Amino acid sequence: MAKKRFIVELGTGIDLHGEDVTKAACRAVDNAISKSCLCGLVEILGLQNLEDVHVDILVASPRPEQVDLNQVEETVPIGQKTARAVEGGMTAEGLCVPQFAPECDQIVVANAAITVSIDQ
């Protein structure tokens, strides 16, 4: 069965203190999914079970090899999920606040593209 895209949504996530690329990636996914309502899946297409959708998660991070993709997938509440991380995002000069994380003075920014597809 071929997959057909229903929606592609983009998001940005930031970790201000701690340089945690997984935290930034999860926040980017949260940002993307918070901007879309999938009512057309139910009301127009008649989909009975939202677990049947395919959710492809692409995150761009300054250190993609350090992104915990299992945590990123857990951010999405529905569907059959796949996640991958690629080089991208951004780092910017921040401020080290030892109470939040020692020896971290970079802001980490991640981007996410969430694609929801259905079988047709």
PDB file of N, CA and C in Angstrom:
ATOM      1  N   MET A   1       0.837  -1.177   0.000  1.00  0.00           N
ATOM      2  CA  MET A   1       0.000   0.000   0.000  1.00  0.00           C
ATOM      3  C   MET A   1       0.888   1.249   0.000  1.00  0.00           C
ATOM      4  N   ALA A   2       0.554   2.204  -0.812  1.00  0.00           N
ATOM      5  CA  ALA A   2       1.348   3.432  -0.908  1.00  0.00           C
ATOM      6  C   ALA A   2       0.932   4.414   0.184  1.00  0.00           C
ATOM      7  N   LYS A   3       1.923   5.136   0.688  1.00  0.00           N
ATOM      8  CA  LYS A   3       1.646   6.187   1.668  1.00  0.00           C
ATOM      9  C   LYS A   3       1.415   7.497   0.927  1.00  0.00           C
ATOM     10  N   LYS A   4       0.449   8.271   1.431  1.00  0.00           N
ATOM     11  CA  LYS A   4       0.202   9.610   0.904  1.00  0.00           C
ATOM     12  C   LYS A   4       0.309  10.598   2.053  1.00  0.00           C
ATOM     13  N   ARG A   5       1.033  11.690   1.787  1.00  0.00           N
ATOM     14  CA  ARG A   5       1.212  12.701   2.826  1.00  0.00           C
ATOM     15  C   ARG A   5      -0.087  13.447   3.086  1.00  0.00           C
ATOM     16  N   PHE A   6      -0.377  13.639   4.348  1.00  0.00           N
ATOM     17  CA  PHE A   6      -1.550  14.404   4.753  1.00  0.00           C
ATOM     18  C   PHE A   6      -1.146  15.812   5.172  1.00  0.00           C
ATOM     19  N   ILE A   7      -0.040  15.923   5.914  1.00  0.00           N
ATOM     20  CA  ILE A   7       0.420  17.230   6.387  1.00  0.00           C
ATOM     21  C   ILE A   7       1.920  17.174   6.639  1.00  0.00           C
ATOM     22  N   VAL A   8       2.566  18.312   6.432  1.00  0.00           N
ATOM     23  CA  VAL A   8       3.957  18.515   6.837  1.00  0.00           C
ATOM     24  C   VAL A   8       3.960  19.774   7.685  1.00  0.00           C
ATOM     25  N   GLU A   9       4.466  19.653   8.889  1.00  0.00           N
ATOM     26  CA  GLU A   9       4.510  20.800   9.796  1.00  0.00           C
ATOM     27  C   GLU A   9       5.929  20.975  10.298  1.00  0.00           C
ATOM     28  N   LEU A  10       6.342  22.231  10.489  1.00  0.00           N
ATOM     29  CA  LEU A  10       7.706  22.558  10.901  1.00  0.00           C
ATOM     30  C   LEU A  10       7.713  23.181  12.286  1.00  0.00           C
ATOM     31  N   GLY A  11       8.808  22.953  13.009  1.00  0.00           N
ATOM     32  CA  GLY A  11       8.925  23.527  14.345  1.00  0.00           C
ATOM     33  C   GLY A  11      10.365  23.825  14.704  1.00  0.00           C
ATOM     34  N   THR A  12      10.529  24.642  15.724  1.00  0.00           N
ATOM     35  CA  THR A  12      11.839  25.012  16.237  1.00  0.00           C
ATOM     36  C   THR A  12      11.846  24.806  17.743  1.00  0.00           C
ATOM     37  N   GLY A  13      12.958  24.283  18.248  1.00  0.00           N
ATOM     38  CA  GLY A  13      13.111  24.077  19.681  1.00  0.00           C
ATOM     39  C   GLY A  13      14.478  24.541  20.144  1.00  0.00           C
ATOM     40  N   ILE A  14      14.537  24.989  21.376  1.00  0.00           N
ATOM     41  CA  ILE A  14      15.758  25.601  21.900  1.00  0.00           C
ATOM     42  C   ILE A  14      16.058  25.059  23.289  1.00  0.00           C
ATOM     43  N   ASP A  15      17.337  24.824  23.562  1.00  0.00           N
ATOM     44  CA  ASP A  15      17.800  24.608  24.934  1.00  0.00           C
ATOM     45  C   ASP A  15      18.729  25.765  25.268  1.00  0.00           C
ATOM     46  N   LEU A  16      18.263  26.638  26.143  1.00  0.00           N
ATOM     47  CA  LEU A  16      19.023  27.839  26.495  1.00  0.00           C
ATOM     48  C   LEU A  16      20.212  27.543  27.399  1.00  0.00           C
ATOM     49  N   HIS A  17      20.059  26.560  28.262  1.00  0.00           N
ATOM     50  CA  HIS A  17      21.118  26.228  29.217  1.00  0.00           C
ATOM     51  C   HIS A  17      21.280  24.717  29.238  1.00  0.00           C
ATOM     52  N   GLY A  18      22.461  24.245  28.992  1.00  0.00           N
ATOM     53  CA  GLY A  18      22.709  22.813  29.071  1.00  0.00           C
ATOM     54  C   GLY A  18      23.189  22.196  27.780  1.00  0.00           C
ATOM     55  N   GLU A  19      22.999  22.891  26.662  1.00  0.00           N
ATOM     56  CA  GLU A  19      23.458  22.402  25.360  1.00  0.00           C
ATOM     57  C   GLU A  19      22.936  21.002  25.058  1.00  0.00           C
ATOM     58  N   ASP A  20      21.691  20.725  25.455  1.00  0.00           N
ATOM     59  CA  ASP A  20      21.085  19.404  25.282  1.00  0.00           C
ATOM     60  C   ASP A  20      20.361  19.347  23.935  1.00  0.00           C
ATOM     61  N   VAL A  21      20.963  18.659  22.957  1.00  0.00           N
ATOM     62  CA  VAL A  21      20.377  18.601  21.620  1.00  0.00           C
ATOM     63  C   VAL A  21      19.088  17.786  21.600  1.00  0.00           C
ATOM     64  N   THR A  22      18.968  16.794  22.476  1.00  0.00           N
ATOM     65  CA  THR A  22      17.723  16.018  22.536  1.00  0.00           C
ATOM     66  C   THR A  22      16.587  16.884  23.057  1.00  0.00           C
ATOM     67  N   LYS A  23      16.848  17.665  24.092  1.00  0.00           N
ATOM     68  CA  LYS A  23      15.828  18.561  24.636  1.00  0.00           C
ATOM     69  C   LYS A  23      15.382  19.553  23.564  1.00  0.00           C
ATOM     70  N   ALA A  24      16.327  20.125  22.837  1.00  0.00           N
ATOM     71  CA  ALA A  24      15.982  21.070  21.769  1.00  0.00           C
ATOM     72  C   ALA A  24      15.174  20.375  20.672  1.00  0.00           C
ATOM     73  N   ALA A  25      15.554  19.147  20.304  1.00  0.00           N
ATOM     74  CA  ALA A  25      14.843  18.402  19.264  1.00  0.00           C
ATOM     75  C   ALA A  25      13.418  18.083  19.703  1.00  0.00           C
ATOM     76  N   CYS A  26      13.237  17.645  20.948  1.00  0.00           N
ATOM     77  CA  CYS A  26      11.895  17.349  21.452  1.00  0.00           C
ATOM     78  C   CYS A  26      11.036  18.606  21.476  1.00  0.00           C
ATOM     79  N   ARG A  27      11.628  19.720  21.845  1.00  0.00           N
ATOM     80  CA  ARG A  27      10.885  20.982  21.848  1.00  0.00           C
ATOM     81  C   ARG A  27      10.511  21.396  20.425  1.00  0.00           C
ATOM     82  N   ALA A  28      11.357  21.116  19.462  1.00  0.00           N
ATOM     83  CA  ALA A  28      11.042  21.421  18.062  1.00  0.00           C
ATOM     84  C   ALA A  28       9.864  20.569  17.586  1.00  0.00           C
ATOM     85  N   VAL A  29       9.850  19.308  17.966  1.00  0.00           N
ATOM     86  CA  VAL A  29       8.734  18.426  17.609  1.00  0.00           C
ATOM     87  C   VAL A  29       7.457  18.916  18.285  1.00  0.00           C
ATOM     88  N   ASP A  30       7.532  19.232  19.580  1.00  0.00           N
ATOM     89  CA  ASP A  30       6.364  19.790  20.286  1.00  0.00           C
ATOM     90  C   ASP A  30       5.840  21.029  19.585  1.00  0.00           C
ATOM     91  N   ASN A  31       6.752  21.917  19.176  1.00  0.00           N
ATOM     92  CA  ASN A  31       6.360  23.141  18.500  1.00  0.00           C
ATOM     93  C   ASN A  31       5.637  22.829  17.190  1.00  0.00           C
ATOM     94  N   ALA A  32       6.153  21.876  16.444  1.00  0.00           N
ATOM     95  CA  ALA A  32       5.524  21.521  15.164  1.00  0.00           C
ATOM     96  C   ALA A  32       4.128  20.934  15.367  1.00  0.00           C
ATOM     97  N   ILE A  33       3.999  19.978  16.278  1.00  0.00           N
ATOM     98  CA  ILE A  33       2.695  19.327  16.413  1.00  0.00           C
ATOM     99  C   ILE A  33       1.671  20.207  17.122  1.00  0.00           C
ATOM    100  N   SER A  34       2.127  21.232  17.817  1.00  0.00           N
ATOM    101  CA  SER A  34       1.180  22.123  18.492  1.00  0.00           C
ATOM    102  C   SER A  34       0.483  23.065  17.518  1.00  0.00           C
ATOM    103  N   LYS A  35       0.944  23.097  16.273  1.00  0.00           N
ATOM    104  CA  LYS A  35       0.381  24.035  15.299  1.00  0.00           C
ATOM    105  C   LYS A  35      -0.540  23.366  14.291  1.00  0.00           C
ATOM    106  N   SER A  36      -0.898  22.109  14.521  1.00  0.00           N
ATOM    107  CA  SER A  36      -1.751  21.447  13.541  1.00  0.00           C
ATOM    108  C   SER A  36      -2.815  20.600  14.228  1.00  0.00           C
ATOM    109  N   CYS A  37      -3.986  20.595  13.641  1.00  0.00           N
ATOM    110  CA  CYS A  37      -5.088  19.748  14.087  1.00  0.00           C
ATOM    111  C   CYS A  37      -5.384  18.781  12.953  1.00  0.00           C
ATOM    112  N   LEU A  38      -5.403  17.520  13.254  1.00  0.00           N
ATOM    113  CA  LEU A  38      -5.564  16.500  12.217  1.00  0.00           C
ATOM    114  C   LEU A  38      -7.024  16.086  12.033  1.00  0.00           C
ATOM    115  N   CYS A  39      -7.952  17.022  12.223  1.00  0.00           N
ATOM    116  CA  CYS A  39      -9.373  16.692  12.158  1.00  0.00           C
ATOM    117  C   CYS A  39      -9.780  16.155  10.782  1.00  0.00           C
ATOM    118  N   GLY A  40      -9.086  16.560   9.737  1.00  0.00           N
ATOM    119  CA  GLY A  40      -9.419  16.057   8.403  1.00  0.00           C
ATOM    120  C   GLY A  40      -9.244  14.558   8.267  1.00  0.00           C
ATOM    121  N   LEU A  41      -8.324  13.998   9.045  1.00  0.00           N
ATOM    122  CA  LEU A  41      -8.145  12.541   9.012  1.00  0.00           C
ATOM    123  C   LEU A  41      -9.422  11.820   9.428  1.00  0.00           C
ATOM    124  N   VAL A  42     -10.089  12.357  10.446  1.00  0.00           N
ATOM    125  CA  VAL A  42     -11.300  11.737  10.973  1.00  0.00           C
ATOM    126  C   VAL A  42     -12.534  12.210  10.217  1.00  0.00           C
ATOM    127  N   GLU A  43     -12.663  13.534  10.070  1.00  0.00           N
ATOM    128  CA  GLU A  43     -13.902  14.094   9.533  1.00  0.00           C
ATOM    129  C   GLU A  43     -14.036  13.981   8.018  1.00  0.00           C
ATOM    130  N   ILE A  44     -12.938  13.988   7.292  1.00  0.00           N
ATOM    131  CA  ILE A  44     -13.011  13.908   5.832  1.00  0.00           C
ATOM    132  C   ILE A  44     -12.669  12.505   5.333  1.00  0.00           C
ATOM    133  N   LEU A  45     -11.582  11.954   5.867  1.00  0.00           N
ATOM    134  CA  LEU A  45     -11.135  10.638   5.400  1.00  0.00           C
ATOM    135  C   LEU A  45     -11.779   9.484   6.152  1.00  0.00           C
ATOM    136  N   GLY A  46     -12.392   9.764   7.285  1.00  0.00           N
ATOM    137  CA  GLY A  46     -13.072   8.722   8.050  1.00  0.00           C
ATOM    138  C   GLY A  46     -12.141   7.761   8.771  1.00  0.00           C
ATOM    139  N   LEU A  47     -10.936   8.191   9.040  1.00  0.00           N
ATOM    140  CA  LEU A  47      -9.976   7.329   9.744  1.00  0.00           C
ATOM    141  C   LEU A  47     -10.512   7.020  11.136  1.00  0.00           C
ATOM    142  N   GLN A  48     -10.538   5.744  11.488  1.00  0.00           N
ATOM    143  CA  GLN A  48     -11.086   5.319  12.774  1.00  0.00           C
ATOM    144  C   GLN A  48     -10.053   5.288  13.888  1.00  0.00           C
ATOM    145  N   ASN A  49      -8.785   5.029  13.540  1.00  0.00           N
ATOM    146  CA  ASN A  49      -7.759   4.847  14.550  1.00  0.00           C
ATOM    147  C   ASN A  49      -6.531   5.679  14.182  1.00  0.00           C
ATOM    148  N   LEU A  50      -6.211   6.688  14.985  1.00  0.00           N
ATOM    149  CA  LEU A  50      -5.069   7.548  14.680  1.00  0.00           C
ATOM    150  C   LEU A  50      -3.733   6.831  14.837  1.00  0.00           C
ATOM    151  N   GLU A  51      -3.737   5.641  15.415  1.00  0.00           N
ATOM    152  CA  GLU A  51      -2.502   4.851  15.476  1.00  0.00           C
ATOM    153  C   GLU A  51      -2.127   4.308  14.103  1.00  0.00           C
ATOM    154  N   ASP A  52      -3.044   4.379  13.140  1.00  0.00           N
ATOM    155  CA  ASP A  52      -2.771   3.881  11.786  1.00  0.00           C
ATOM    156  C   ASP A  52      -1.983   4.865  10.928  1.00  0.00           C
ATOM    157  N   VAL A  53      -1.834   6.105  11.372  1.00  0.00           N
ATOM    158  CA  VAL A  53      -1.081   7.075  10.570  1.00  0.00           C
ATOM    159  C   VAL A  53       0.421   6.816  10.717  1.00  0.00           C
ATOM    160  N   HIS A  54       1.167   7.272   9.735  1.00  0.00           N
ATOM    161  CA  HIS A  54       2.629   7.197   9.765  1.00  0.00           C
ATOM    162  C   HIS A  54       3.143   8.600  10.082  1.00  0.00           C
ATOM    163  N   VAL A  55       4.028   8.688  11.068  1.00  0.00           N
ATOM    164  CA  VAL A  55       4.584   9.974  11.458  1.00  0.00           C
ATOM    165  C   VAL A  55       6.095   9.900  11.274  1.00  0.00           C
ATOM    166  N   ASP A  56       6.577  10.625  10.278  1.00  0.00           N
ATOM    167  CA  ASP A  56       8.014  10.683  10.007  1.00  0.00           C
ATOM    168  C   ASP A  56       8.554  11.967  10.616  1.00  0.00           C
ATOM    169  N   ILE A  57       9.549  11.809  11.471  1.00  0.00           N
ATOM    170  CA  ILE A  57      10.111  12.931  12.216  1.00  0.00           C
ATOM    171  C   ILE A  57      11.541  13.155  11.734  1.00  0.00           C
ATOM    172  N   LEU A  58      11.801  14.327  11.246  1.00  0.00           N
ATOM    173  CA  LEU A  58      13.152  14.709  10.824  1.00  0.00           C
ATOM    174  C   LEU A  58      13.580  15.884  11.691  1.00  0.00           C
ATOM    175  N   VAL A  59      14.683  15.713  12.417  1.00  0.00           N
ATOM    176  CA  VAL A  59      15.205  16.810  13.221  1.00  0.00           C
ATOM    177  C   VAL A  59      16.587  17.186  12.717  1.00  0.00           C
ATOM    178  N   ALA A  60      16.840  18.481  12.697  1.00  0.00           N
ATOM    179  CA  ALA A  60      18.149  19.009  12.310  1.00  0.00           C
ATOM    180  C   ALA A  60      18.770  19.616  13.553  1.00  0.00           C
ATOM    181  N   SER A  61      19.972  19.152  13.877  1.00  0.00           N
ATOM    182  CA  SER A  61      20.623  19.529  15.119  1.00  0.00           C
ATOM    183  C   SER A  61      22.113  19.744  14.870  1.00  0.00           C
ATOM    184  N   PRO A  62      22.748  20.615  15.662  1.00  0.00           N
ATOM    185  CA  PRO A  62      24.190  20.805  15.499  1.00  0.00           C
ATOM    186  C   PRO A  62      25.010  19.536  15.773  1.00  0.00           C
ATOM    187  N   ARG A  63      24.481  18.629  16.594  1.00  0.00           N
ATOM    188  CA  ARG A  63      25.159  17.364  16.886  1.00  0.00           C
ATOM    189  C   ARG A  63      24.161  16.221  16.735  1.00  0.00           C
ATOM    190  N   PRO A  64      23.807  15.864  15.505  1.00  0.00           N
ATOM    191  CA  PRO A  64      22.737  14.884  15.297  1.00  0.00           C
ATOM    192  C   PRO A  64      23.030  13.510  15.909  1.00  0.00           C
ATOM    193  N   GLU A  65      24.297  13.156  16.014  1.00  0.00           N
ATOM    194  CA  GLU A  65      24.650  11.852  16.577  1.00  0.00           C
ATOM    195  C   GLU A  65      24.339  11.761  18.071  1.00  0.00           C
ATOM    196  N   GLN A  66      24.100  12.888  18.729  1.00  0.00           N
ATOM    197  CA  GLN A  66      23.800  12.905  20.161  1.00  0.00           C
ATOM    198  C   GLN A  66      22.302  12.979  20.458  1.00  0.00           C
ATOM    199  N   VAL A  67      21.473  13.086  19.430  1.00  0.00           N
ATOM    200  CA  VAL A  67      20.027  13.171  19.635  1.00  0.00           C
ATOM    201  C   VAL A  67      19.487  11.782  19.969  1.00  0.00           C
ATOM    202  N   ASP A  68      18.766  11.677  21.085  1.00  0.00           N
ATOM    203  CA  ASP A  68      18.121  10.423  21.481  1.00  0.00           C
ATOM    204  C   ASP A  68      16.807  10.310  20.697  1.00  0.00           C
ATOM    205  N   LEU A  69      16.833   9.518  19.637  1.00  0.00           N
ATOM    206  CA  LEU A  69      15.672   9.423  18.749  1.00  0.00           C
ATOM    207  C   LEU A  69      14.482   8.744  19.423  1.00  0.00           C
ATOM    208  N   ASN A  70      14.721   7.887  20.389  1.00  0.00           N
ATOM    209  CA  ASN A  70      13.604   7.284  21.123  1.00  0.00           C
ATOM    210  C   ASN A  70      12.835   8.348  21.888  1.00  0.00           C
ATOM    211  N   GLN A  71      13.549   9.260  22.543  1.00  0.00           N
ATOM    212  CA  GLN A  71      12.883  10.360  23.249  1.00  0.00           C
ATOM    213  C   GLN A  71      12.126  11.248  22.276  1.00  0.00           C
ATOM    214  N   VAL A  72      12.715  11.506  21.126  1.00  0.00           N
ATOM    215  CA  VAL A  72      12.055  12.337  20.119  1.00  0.00           C
ATOM    216  C   VAL A  72      10.759  11.674  19.660  1.00  0.00           C
ATOM    217  N   GLU A  73      10.786  10.372  19.399  1.00  0.00           N
ATOM    218  CA  GLU A  73       9.574   9.654  18.979  1.00  0.00           C
ATOM    219  C   GLU A  73       8.502   9.698  20.057  1.00  0.00           C
ATOM    220  N   GLU A  74       8.905   9.596  21.322  1.00  0.00           N
ATOM    221  CA  GLU A  74       7.940   9.613  22.419  1.00  0.00           C
ATOM    222  C   GLU A  74       7.211  10.950  22.529  1.00  0.00           C
ATOM    223  N   THR A  75       7.751  11.976  21.930  1.00  0.00           N
ATOM    224  CA  THR A  75       7.118  13.295  21.957  1.00  0.00           C
ATOM    225  C   THR A  75       5.823  13.302  21.148  1.00  0.00           C
ATOM    226  N   VAL A  76       5.736  12.433  20.147  1.00  0.00           N
ATOM    227  CA  VAL A  76       4.556  12.367  19.277  1.00  0.00           C
ATOM    228  C   VAL A  76       3.556  11.381  19.886  1.00  0.00           C
ATOM    229  N   PRO A  77       2.315  11.826  20.134  1.00  0.00           N
ATOM    230  CA  PRO A  77       1.368  10.973  20.867  1.00  0.00           C
ATOM    231  C   PRO A  77       0.633   9.920  20.034  1.00  0.00           C
ATOM    232  N   ILE A  78       0.727   9.972  18.714  1.00  0.00           N
ATOM    233  CA  ILE A  78      -0.042   9.027  17.889  1.00  0.00           C
ATOM    234  C   ILE A  78       0.842   8.437  16.800  1.00  0.00           C
ATOM    235  N   GLY A  79       0.343   7.380  16.198  1.00  0.00           N
ATOM    236  CA  GLY A  79       0.900   6.865  14.962  1.00  0.00           C
ATOM    237  C   GLY A  79       2.076   5.921  15.085  1.00  0.00           C
ATOM    238  N   GLN A  80       2.470   5.449  13.917  1.00  0.00           N
ATOM    239  CA  GLN A  80       3.645   4.610  13.746  1.00  0.00           C
ATOM    240  C   GLN A  80       4.792   5.552  13.415  1.00  0.00           C
ATOM    241  N   LYS A  81       5.723   5.693  14.351  1.00  0.00           N
ATOM    242  CA  LYS A  81       6.709   6.766  14.271  1.00  0.00           C
ATOM    243  C   LYS A  81       8.074   6.269  13.811  1.00  0.00           C
ATOM    244  N   THR A  82       8.718   7.102  13.002  1.00  0.00           N
ATOM    245  CA  THR A  82      10.123   6.911  12.661  1.00  0.00           C
ATOM    246  C   THR A  82      10.795   8.276  12.814  1.00  0.00           C
ATOM    247  N   ALA A  83      12.018   8.254  13.311  1.00  0.00           N
ATOM    248  CA  ALA A  83      12.729   9.516  13.517  1.00  0.00           C
ATOM    249  C   ALA A  83      14.154   9.379  13.022  1.00  0.00           C
ATOM    250  N   ARG A  84      14.657  10.470  12.495  1.00  0.00           N
ATOM    251  CA  ARG A  84      16.065  10.537  12.125  1.00  0.00           C
ATOM    252  C   ARG A  84      16.564  11.946  12.376  1.00  0.00           C
ATOM    253  N   ALA A  85      17.872  12.024  12.599  1.00  0.00           N
ATOM    254  CA  ALA A  85      18.491  13.319  12.874  1.00  0.00           C
ATOM    255  C   ALA A  85      19.566  13.586  11.838  1.00  0.00           C
ATOM    256  N   VAL A  86      19.627  14.821  11.395  1.00  0.00           N
ATOM    257  CA  VAL A  86      20.622  15.244  10.416  1.00  0.00           C
ATOM    258  C   VAL A  86      21.331  16.493  10.937  1.00  0.00           C
ATOM    259  N   GLU A  87      22.451  16.804  10.332  1.00  0.00           N
ATOM    260  CA  GLU A  87      23.212  18.006  10.681  1.00  0.00           C
ATOM    261  C   GLU A  87      22.397  19.246  10.331  1.00  0.00           C
ATOM    262  N   GLY A  88      22.337  20.183  11.249  1.00  0.00           N
ATOM    263  CA  GLY A  88      21.608  21.423  10.998  1.00  0.00           C
ATOM    264  C   GLY A  88      21.409  22.169  12.288  1.00  0.00           C
ATOM    265  N   GLY A  89      20.329  22.920  12.363  1.00  0.00           N
ATOM    266  CA  GLY A  89      20.076  23.704  13.555  1.00  0.00           C
ATOM    267  C   GLY A  89      21.088  24.825  13.691  1.00  0.00           C
ATOM    268  N   MET A  90      21.372  25.192  14.936  1.00  0.00           N
ATOM    269  CA  MET A  90      22.263  26.313  15.150  1.00  0.00           C
ATOM    270  C   MET A  90      22.738  26.311  16.596  1.00  0.00           C
ATOM    271  N   THR A  91      23.897  26.873  16.805  1.00  0.00           N
ATOM    272  CA  THR A  91      24.334  27.229  18.151  1.00  0.00           C
ATOM    273  C   THR A  91      24.593  28.728  18.161  1.00  0.00           C
ATOM    274  N   ALA A  92      24.332  29.327  19.312  1.00  0.00           N
ATOM    275  CA  ALA A  92      24.572  30.757  19.474  1.00  0.00           C
ATOM    276  C   ALA A  92      25.161  30.978  20.861  1.00  0.00           C
ATOM    277  N   GLU A  93      25.906  32.048  20.980  1.00  0.00           N
ATOM    278  CA  GLU A  93      26.506  32.352  22.268  1.00  0.00           C
ATOM    279  C   GLU A  93      25.415  32.624  23.299  1.00  0.00           C
ATOM    280  N   GLY A  94      25.526  31.949  24.421  1.00  0.00           N
ATOM    281  CA  GLY A  94      24.564  32.125  25.491  1.00  0.00           C
ATOM    282  C   GLY A  94      25.244  32.604  26.749  1.00  0.00           C
ATOM    283  N   LEU A  95      24.768  32.121  27.858  1.00  0.00           N
ATOM    284  CA  LEU A  95      25.284  32.513  29.151  1.00  0.00           C
ATOM    285  C   LEU A  95      25.369  31.275  30.028  1.00  0.00           C
ATOM    286  N   CYS A  96      26.517  31.039  30.626  1.00  0.00           N
ATOM    287  CA  CYS A  96      26.676  29.908  31.534  1.00  0.00           C
ATOM    288  C   CYS A  96      26.043  30.260  32.874  1.00  0.00           C
ATOM    289  N   VAL A  97      25.068  29.455  33.278  1.00  0.00           N
ATOM    290  CA  VAL A  97      24.437  29.594  34.584  1.00  0.00           C
ATOM    291  C   VAL A  97      24.669  28.276  35.313  1.00  0.00           C
ATOM    292  N   PRO A  98      25.650  28.230  36.210  1.00  0.00           N
ATOM    293  CA  PRO A  98      26.029  26.968  36.855  1.00  0.00           C
ATOM    294  C   PRO A  98      24.866  26.246  37.547  1.00  0.00           C
ATOM    295  N   GLN A  99      23.859  26.975  38.018  1.00  0.00           N
ATOM    296  CA  GLN A  99      22.723  26.334  38.669  1.00  0.00           C
ATOM    297  C   GLN A  99      21.896  25.506  37.686  1.00  0.00           C
ATOM    298  N   PHE A 100      21.939  25.853  36.401  1.00  0.00           N
ATOM    299  CA  PHE A 100      21.200  25.114  35.387  1.00  0.00           C
ATOM    300  C   PHE A 100      22.046  24.007  34.781  1.00  0.00           C
ATOM    301  N   ALA A 101      23.287  24.322  34.441  1.00  0.00           N
ATOM    302  CA  ALA A 101      24.214  23.339  33.862  1.00  0.00           C
ATOM    303  C   ALA A 101      25.615  23.938  33.907  1.00  0.00           C
ATOM    304  N   PRO A 102      26.581  23.196  34.414  1.00  0.00           N
ATOM    305  CA  PRO A 102      27.944  23.741  34.501  1.00  0.00           C
ATOM    306  C   PRO A 102      28.631  23.761  33.138  1.00  0.00           C
ATOM    307  N   GLU A 103      29.457  24.770  32.952  1.00  0.00           N
ATOM    308  CA  GLU A 103      30.324  24.870  31.780  1.00  0.00           C
ATOM    309  C   GLU A 103      29.579  24.778  30.446  1.00  0.00           C
ATOM    310  N   CYS A 104      28.398  25.351  30.392  1.00  0.00           N
ATOM    311  CA  CYS A 104      27.625  25.384  29.149  1.00  0.00           C
ATOM    312  C   CYS A 104      27.292  26.838  28.843  1.00  0.00           C
ATOM    313  N   ASP A 105      27.816  27.357  27.748  1.00  0.00           N
ATOM    314  CA  ASP A 105      27.513  28.746  27.413  1.00  0.00           C
ATOM    315  C   ASP A 105      26.974  28.888  25.993  1.00  0.00           C
ATOM    316  N   GLN A 106      26.515  27.782  25.414  1.00  0.00           N
ATOM    317  CA  GLN A 106      25.954  27.827  24.066  1.00  0.00           C
ATOM    318  C   GLN A 106      24.458  27.549  24.099  1.00  0.00           C
ATOM    319  N   ILE A 107      23.722  28.296  23.321  1.00  0.00           N
ATOM    320  CA  ILE A 107      22.304  28.037  23.091  1.00  0.00           C
ATOM    321  C   ILE A 107      22.227  27.072  21.914  1.00  0.00           C
ATOM    322  N   VAL A 108      21.445  26.017  22.067  1.00  0.00           N
ATOM    323  CA  VAL A 108      21.299  25.013  21.007  1.00  0.00           C
ATOM    324  C   VAL A 108      19.901  25.138  20.411  1.00  0.00           C
ATOM    325  N   VAL A 109      19.851  25.237  19.087  1.00  0.00           N
ATOM    326  CA  VAL A 109      18.589  25.337  18.365  1.00  0.00           C
ATOM    327  C   VAL A 109      18.459  24.133  17.441  1.00  0.00           C
ATOM    328  N   ALA A 110      17.281  23.495  17.471  1.00  0.00           N
ATOM    329  CA  ALA A 110      16.985  22.374  16.570  1.00  0.00           C
ATOM    330  C   ALA A 110      15.732  22.706  15.778  1.00  0.00           C
ATOM    331  N   ASN A 111      15.644  22.135  14.610  1.00  0.00           N
ATOM    332  CA  ASN A 111      14.461  22.275  13.760  1.00  0.00           C
ATOM    333  C   ASN A 111      13.860  20.900  13.538  1.00  0.00           C
ATOM    334  N   ALA A 112      12.554  20.863  13.324  1.00  0.00           N
ATOM    335  CA  ALA A 112      11.883  19.597  13.072  1.00  0.00           C
ATOM    336  C   ALA A 112      10.913  19.749  11.908  1.00  0.00           C
ATOM    337  N   ALA A 113      10.823  18.697  11.119  1.00  0.00           N
ATOM    338  CA  ALA A 113       9.791  18.573  10.085  1.00  0.00           C
ATOM    339  C   ALA A 113       9.029  17.289  10.398  1.00  0.00           C
ATOM    340  N   ILE A 114       7.735  17.422  10.634  1.00  0.00           N
ATOM    341  CA  ILE A 114       6.885  16.292  10.965  1.00  0.00           C
ATOM    342  C   ILE A 114       5.971  16.042   9.767  1.00  0.00           C
ATOM    343  N   THR A 115       6.050  14.842   9.227  1.00  0.00           N
ATOM    344  CA  THR A 115       5.197  14.474   8.090  1.00  0.00           C
ATOM    345  C   THR A 115       4.252  13.380   8.525  1.00  0.00           C
ATOM    346  N   VAL A 116       2.956  13.625   8.398  1.00  0.00           N
ATOM    347  CA  VAL A 116       1.935  12.631   8.719  1.00  0.00           C
ATOM    348  C   VAL A 116       1.392  12.104   7.404  1.00  0.00           C
ATOM    349  N   SER A 117       1.448  10.786   7.254  1.00  0.00           N
ATOM    350  CA  SER A 117       0.976  10.133   6.027  1.00  0.00           C
ATOM    351  C   SER A 117      -0.037   9.060   6.380  1.00  0.00           C
ATOM    352  N   ILE A 118      -0.825   8.700   5.379  1.00  0.00           N
ATOM    353  CA  ILE A 118      -1.791   7.623   5.559  1.00  0.00           C
ATOM    354  C   ILE A 118      -1.601   6.615   4.421  1.00  0.00           C
ATOM    355  N   ASP A 119      -2.045   5.399   4.665  1.00  0.00           N
ATOM    356  CA  ASP A 119      -2.019   4.377   3.621  1.00  0.00           C
ATOM    357  C   ASP A 119      -3.206   4.602   2.688  1.00  0.00           C
ATOM    358  N   GLN A 120      -2.946   4.514   1.393  1.00  0.00           N
ATOM    359  CA  GLN A 120      -4.028   4.689   0.407  1.00  0.00           C
ATOM    360  C   GLN A 120      -3.957   3.609  -0.629  1.00  0.00           C
TER     361      GLN A 120
END
